[in-house]
Amino acid sequence: MNDAYKKLIKCLEIVKSKTDFVPKVALVLGSGLGGYADEMDVVSTINYHDIEGFPVSTVPGHQGRFVFGHVKGVPVVAMQGRVHYYEGYPMNDVVLPIRLMGLMGAEILFLTNAVGGLNPAFAAGDFMLITDHISYNVPSPLIGENIEELGTRFPDMSEVYSKELRLRIKEAASEQNVGLHEGVYIQFSGPNFETPAEIRACAALGADVVGMSTVCEAVAANHMGIMICGISCVSNLAAGISKTPLTHEEVQETADQAAPKFKALVSEAIYKIGADKN
């Protein structure tokens, strides 16, 4: 058995020893967005520290626990805090939580993140529905021996972000009267913010927002056959576009300000995408 798969199964056994909750939707809460879990009808929580071998987030604002509960009747497992490649973890550990939630039973992965805006039509506090992604100098989580129990060696990437789920989210945004752009997310490794030259290169490649997560998670979930959707919160304008130096505090502050609209949008979106799976 593949070593990465052995570790994954061990983590799954620990989780199952603590809860028998079976989620339909796995929700990853990005920087400044962890407070969304307060909106859930919580059944139980598990701290990452209590799962042997589980990678623990070191980023400020990332609480570091699984929250199990319901959103408008839909069973959800939410990650309050994700693990990033820049924290020094191997990529198999970075995506271990995604794979673990898939093995818990999640059929849908709902990714959220705080991003820098590249598209001139975007402003801080705006939301963007992810339609596609670009990986920039970030290793694929599928490098190395394939975990046959999870998926095929060469997975297709033609439609990573489900058109069906995107339609449901757009319906939710319309009903909640929340503006929602659509566009392409590009992942850099971080932790440094990008240079103005790199941002110009991103725009030339066709990216609309830039961040330090999400793409590797989506690749791992797609490998497993999980349906994927994602919303980005534009926390700042990217380097060379912004008139001030970038800080993580700015990211959190903008996400906090956008939180009420974000919570309403995500709750309605989960209801729409989760109800179809009941």
Protein backbone atom coordinates (compact mmCIF):
# COMPACT_ATOMS: atom_id res chain seq x y z
CA MET A 1 0.00 0.00 0.00
CA ASN A 2 1.23 3.50 -0.89
CA ASP A 3 2.72 5.29 2.16
CA ALA A 4 0.64 8.41 1.53
CA TYR A 5 -2.49 6.26 1.37
CA LYS A 6 -1.55 4.45 4.60
CA LYS A 7 -1.25 7.81 6.36
CA LEU A 8 -4.57 8.91 4.92
CA ILE A 9 -6.35 5.76 6.10
CA LYS A 10 -4.86 6.16 9.58
CA CYS A 11 -6.23 9.71 9.76
CA LEU A 12 -9.62 8.47 8.55
CA GLU A 13 -9.72 5.81 11.28
CA ILE A 14 -9.03 8.46 13.94
CA VAL A 15 -11.78 10.73 12.58
CA LYS A 16 -14.26 7.83 12.48
CA SER A 17 -13.40 6.99 16.09
CA LYS A 18 -14.47 10.52 17.06
CA THR A 19 -17.55 11.02 14.86
CA ASP A 20 -19.86 9.04 12.59
CA PHE A 21 -20.95 12.19 10.73
CA VAL A 22 -21.12 11.72 6.93
CA PRO A 23 -20.86 15.00 4.97
CA LYS A 24 -22.15 15.64 1.48
CA VAL A 25 -20.27 18.92 1.08
CA ALA A 26 -16.67 19.62 2.13
CA LEU A 27 -16.14 23.35 2.67
CA VAL A 28 -12.66 24.89 2.87
CA LEU A 29 -12.66 28.29 4.59
CA GLY A 30 -9.91 30.64 3.42
CA SER A 31 -8.06 33.50 5.15
CA GLY A 32 -10.42 35.70 7.15
CA LEU A 33 -13.42 33.51 6.32
CA GLY A 34 -13.18 30.98 9.16
CA GLY A 35 -16.01 32.67 11.05
CA TYR A 36 -18.49 31.15 8.62
CA ALA A 37 -18.51 28.00 10.74
CA ASP A 38 -20.49 29.98 13.35
CA GLU A 39 -23.40 29.94 10.88
CA MET A 40 -23.55 26.14 10.89
CA ASP A 41 -25.76 23.92 13.02
CA VAL A 42 -22.71 22.28 14.58
CA VAL A 43 -22.78 18.60 15.51
CA SER A 44 -19.13 18.12 16.47
CA THR A 45 -15.60 19.45 15.98
CA ILE A 46 -12.17 17.82 15.74
CA ASN A 47 -8.95 19.78 16.19
CA TYR A 48 -6.25 18.97 13.65
CA HIS A 49 -3.84 18.42 16.55
CA ASP A 50 -5.99 15.48 17.66
CA ILE A 51 -5.48 13.59 14.38
CA GLU A 52 -2.10 11.87 14.45
CA GLY A 53 0.01 12.76 11.41
CA PHE A 54 -2.40 15.47 10.25
CA PRO A 55 -0.75 18.70 8.98
CA VAL A 56 -1.55 21.74 11.14
CA SER A 57 -1.91 25.25 9.74
CA THR A 58 0.55 27.85 11.07
CA VAL A 59 -1.06 30.87 9.38
CA PRO A 60 -2.67 33.61 11.52
CA GLY A 61 -6.46 33.53 11.22
CA HIS A 62 -6.59 29.79 10.46
CA GLN A 63 -8.10 28.07 13.50
CA GLY A 64 -7.13 24.53 12.63
CA ARG A 65 -10.11 22.23 13.08
CA PHE A 66 -12.85 20.32 11.28
CA VAL A 67 -16.39 21.49 12.00
CA PHE A 68 -19.17 18.97 11.31
CA GLY A 69 -22.74 20.18 11.01
CA HIS A 70 -25.60 21.25 8.78
CA VAL A 71 -26.17 24.27 6.57
CA LYS A 72 -29.86 24.61 5.68
CA GLY A 73 -30.22 20.87 6.23
CA VAL A 74 -27.21 19.89 4.11
CA PRO A 75 -24.53 17.86 5.97
CA VAL A 76 -21.23 19.73 5.76
CA VAL A 77 -17.68 19.30 7.01
CA ALA A 78 -15.88 22.64 7.10
CA MET A 79 -12.15 23.21 7.39
CA GLN A 80 -11.44 26.18 9.63
CA GLY A 81 -7.97 26.75 8.32
CA ARG A 82 -6.19 25.05 5.44
CA VAL A 83 -2.58 23.95 5.02
CA HIS A 84 -0.41 25.73 2.46
CA TYR A 85 2.58 24.48 0.51
CA TYR A 86 4.62 27.49 1.69
CA GLU A 87 4.38 26.28 5.29
CA GLY A 88 6.94 23.63 4.40
CA TYR A 89 4.71 20.58 4.21
CA PRO A 90 5.18 18.09 1.35
CA MET A 91 2.41 18.36 -1.22
CA ASN A 92 0.89 15.01 -0.17
CA ASP A 93 0.29 16.53 3.27
CA VAL A 94 -1.08 19.77 1.84
CA VAL A 95 -3.86 17.87 0.07
CA LEU A 96 -4.33 15.18 2.74
CA PRO A 97 -7.30 17.07 4.28
CA ILE A 98 -9.06 17.22 0.91
CA ARG A 99 -8.58 13.51 0.32
CA LEU A 100 -9.66 12.77 3.88
CA MET A 101 -12.94 14.68 3.49
CA GLY A 102 -13.55 12.75 0.27
CA LEU A 103 -13.09 9.47 2.11
CA MET A 104 -15.45 10.73 4.84
CA GLY A 105 -18.13 10.72 2.15
CA ALA A 106 -18.09 14.26 0.74
CA GLU A 107 -19.31 14.32 -2.87
CA ILE A 108 -18.75 18.06 -3.40
CA LEU A 109 -15.72 20.21 -2.56
CA PHE A 110 -16.52 23.91 -2.04
CA LEU A 111 -13.29 25.94 -2.01
CA THR A 112 -13.02 29.51 -0.74
CA ASN A 113 -10.03 31.81 -0.56
CA ALA A 114 -8.85 35.38 -0.22
CA VAL A 115 -7.07 36.62 -3.35
CA GLY A 116 -5.33 39.50 -5.03
CA GLY A 117 -7.26 41.02 -7.91
CA LEU A 118 -5.66 41.19 -11.37
CA ASN A 119 -8.72 41.98 -13.46
CA PRO A 120 -9.21 45.78 -13.62
CA ALA A 121 -12.96 45.26 -13.25
CA PHE A 122 -12.45 43.80 -9.76
CA ALA A 123 -12.30 45.78 -6.50
CA ALA A 124 -11.44 44.83 -2.92
CA GLY A 125 -14.43 43.11 -1.35
CA ASP A 126 -15.73 41.65 -4.61
CA PHE A 127 -16.46 37.94 -5.09
CA MET A 128 -15.40 35.77 -8.04
CA LEU A 129 -16.74 32.38 -9.06
CA ILE A 130 -13.81 30.23 -10.16
CA THR A 131 -14.28 28.87 -13.69
CA ASP A 132 -10.77 27.48 -14.22
CA HIS A 133 -7.27 27.65 -12.79
CA ILE A 134 -3.56 27.93 -13.59
CA SER A 135 -0.76 26.41 -11.52
CA TYR A 136 2.41 28.51 -11.51
CA ASN A 137 5.56 26.86 -10.16
CA VAL A 138 3.54 24.70 -7.74
CA PRO A 139 4.08 20.92 -7.92
CA SER A 140 1.13 18.70 -8.74
CA PRO A 141 -0.12 16.66 -5.76
CA LEU A 142 -0.24 13.68 -8.14
CA ILE A 143 3.53 13.54 -8.67
CA GLY A 144 5.02 10.25 -7.50
CA GLU A 145 3.44 6.84 -7.20
CA ASN A 146 -0.24 7.02 -8.11
CA ILE A 147 -2.68 6.17 -5.32
CA GLU A 148 -4.81 3.74 -7.31
CA GLU A 149 -7.42 3.57 -4.54
CA LEU A 150 -8.18 7.26 -5.15
CA GLY A 151 -8.04 7.67 -8.91
CA THR A 152 -6.42 7.14 -12.29
CA ARG A 153 -2.80 7.92 -13.13
CA PHE A 154 -3.70 10.57 -15.74
CA PRO A 155 -6.94 12.33 -14.74
CA ASP A 156 -8.73 14.59 -17.23
CA MET A 157 -8.82 18.28 -16.29
CA SER A 158 -11.25 19.59 -18.92
CA GLU A 159 -13.88 20.68 -16.38
CA VAL A 160 -12.39 20.87 -12.90
CA TYR A 161 -14.96 23.38 -11.67
CA SER A 162 -18.38 21.85 -12.35
CA LYS A 163 -20.59 23.84 -14.72
CA GLU A 164 -23.62 22.45 -12.93
CA LEU A 165 -22.42 23.69 -9.53
CA ARG A 166 -21.40 27.05 -10.98
CA LEU A 167 -24.93 27.53 -12.29
CA ARG A 168 -26.39 26.81 -8.84
CA ILE A 169 -24.00 29.30 -7.23
CA LYS A 170 -24.90 32.00 -9.75
CA GLU A 171 -28.57 31.39 -8.94
CA ALA A 172 -27.77 31.76 -5.23
CA ALA A 173 -25.86 35.00 -5.84
CA SER A 174 -28.78 36.42 -7.81
CA GLU A 175 -31.28 35.52 -5.10
CA GLN A 176 -29.05 37.00 -2.38
CA ASN A 177 -28.39 40.11 -4.48
CA VAL A 178 -24.64 39.54 -4.21
CA GLY A 179 -22.45 40.62 -7.12
CA LEU A 180 -20.41 37.73 -8.48
CA HIS A 181 -17.68 37.96 -11.11
CA GLU A 182 -16.41 34.88 -12.95
CA GLY A 183 -12.81 34.14 -13.79
CA VAL A 184 -9.55 32.20 -13.57
CA TYR A 185 -7.53 31.65 -10.38
CA ILE A 186 -3.73 31.30 -10.53
CA GLN A 187 -1.78 29.73 -7.66
CA PHE A 188 1.74 30.79 -6.71
CA SER A 189 3.65 28.97 -3.99
CA GLY A 190 4.06 31.97 -1.62
CA PRO A 191 4.57 32.97 1.12
CA ASN A 192 5.94 36.15 -0.44
CA PHE A 193 3.46 38.20 -2.41
CA GLU A 194 4.09 38.42 -6.15
CA THR A 195 6.18 41.09 -7.86
CA PRO A 196 4.60 43.58 -10.28
CA ALA A 197 6.35 41.78 -13.15
CA GLU A 198 4.89 38.44 -12.05
CA ILE A 199 1.45 40.03 -11.83
CA ARG A 200 1.76 41.32 -15.38
CA ALA A 201 2.75 37.80 -16.46
CA CYS A 202 -0.32 36.38 -14.66
CA ALA A 203 -2.62 38.75 -16.50
CA ALA A 204 -0.97 37.83 -19.80
CA LEU A 205 -1.62 34.15 -19.03
CA GLY A 206 -5.31 34.88 -18.57
CA ALA A 207 -5.64 34.91 -14.79
CA ASP A 208 -8.13 37.20 -13.03
CA VAL A 209 -7.05 36.62 -9.41
CA VAL A 210 -3.95 35.28 -7.67
CA GLY A 211 -3.51 33.29 -4.47
CA MET A 212 -1.42 30.70 -2.64
CA SER A 213 -3.82 27.74 -2.33
CA THR A 214 -6.83 26.09 -3.99
CA VAL A 215 -5.35 24.78 -7.26
CA CYS A 216 -3.48 21.86 -5.68
CA GLU A 217 -6.59 21.05 -3.62
CA ALA A 218 -8.79 21.06 -6.72
CA VAL A 219 -6.35 18.78 -8.56
CA ALA A 220 -6.43 16.25 -5.70
CA ALA A 221 -10.23 16.34 -5.50
CA ASN A 222 -10.63 16.04 -9.26
CA HIS A 223 -8.36 12.97 -9.15
CA MET A 224 -10.86 11.39 -6.74
CA GLY A 225 -13.89 12.24 -8.88
CA ILE A 226 -15.25 14.81 -6.43
CA MET A 227 -17.37 17.63 -7.88
CA ILE A 228 -15.67 20.99 -7.29
CA CYS A 229 -16.72 24.63 -7.05
CA GLY A 230 -15.03 27.69 -5.63
CA ILE A 231 -15.51 31.34 -4.69
CA SER A 232 -12.71 33.87 -4.22
CA CYS A 233 -12.98 37.00 -2.07
CA VAL A 234 -10.87 39.78 -3.58
CA SER A 235 -9.06 41.10 -0.52
CA ASN A 236 -6.73 43.53 -2.27
CA LEU A 237 -5.47 44.60 -5.65
CA ALA A 238 -2.29 42.77 -6.64
CA ALA A 239 1.24 44.22 -6.66
CA GLY A 240 1.74 46.88 -9.29
CA ILE A 241 -2.01 47.54 -9.30
CA SER A 242 -2.34 48.34 -5.60
CA LYS A 243 -0.94 51.72 -4.58
CA THR A 244 0.17 50.45 -1.18
CA PRO A 245 2.40 47.54 -0.01
CA LEU A 246 0.54 44.25 0.51
CA THR A 247 0.05 42.75 3.97
CA HIS A 248 -1.69 39.67 5.38
CA GLU A 249 -3.54 41.96 7.81
CA GLU A 250 -5.13 43.73 4.84
CA VAL A 251 -6.28 40.36 3.50
CA GLN A 252 -7.96 39.47 6.79
CA GLU A 253 -9.50 42.92 7.25
CA THR A 254 -11.15 42.94 3.82
CA ALA A 255 -12.41 39.37 4.26
CA ASP A 256 -13.91 40.34 7.62
CA GLN A 257 -15.74 43.27 6.03
CA ALA A 258 -17.07 41.05 3.24
CA ALA A 259 -18.08 38.28 5.68
CA PRO A 260 -21.84 39.03 5.96
CA LYS A 261 -22.39 38.84 2.18
CA PHE A 262 -20.04 35.87 1.95
CA LYS A 263 -21.96 33.95 4.62
CA ALA A 264 -25.30 34.58 2.93
CA LEU A 265 -23.96 33.57 -0.48
CA VAL A 266 -22.22 30.40 0.72
CA SER A 267 -25.22 29.25 2.77
CA GLU A 268 -27.63 29.63 -0.14
CA ALA A 269 -25.10 28.06 -2.54
CA ILE A 270 -24.62 25.04 -0.26
CA TYR A 271 -28.38 24.60 -0.03
CA LYS A 272 -28.70 24.64 -3.83
CA ILE A 273 -25.75 22.37 -4.62
CA GLY A 274 -26.32 20.05 -1.65
CA ALA A 275 -30.05 19.65 -2.13
CA ASP A 276 -29.44 18.22 -5.60
CA LYS A 277 -27.33 15.48 -4.02
CA ASN A 278 -29.83 14.41 -1.34
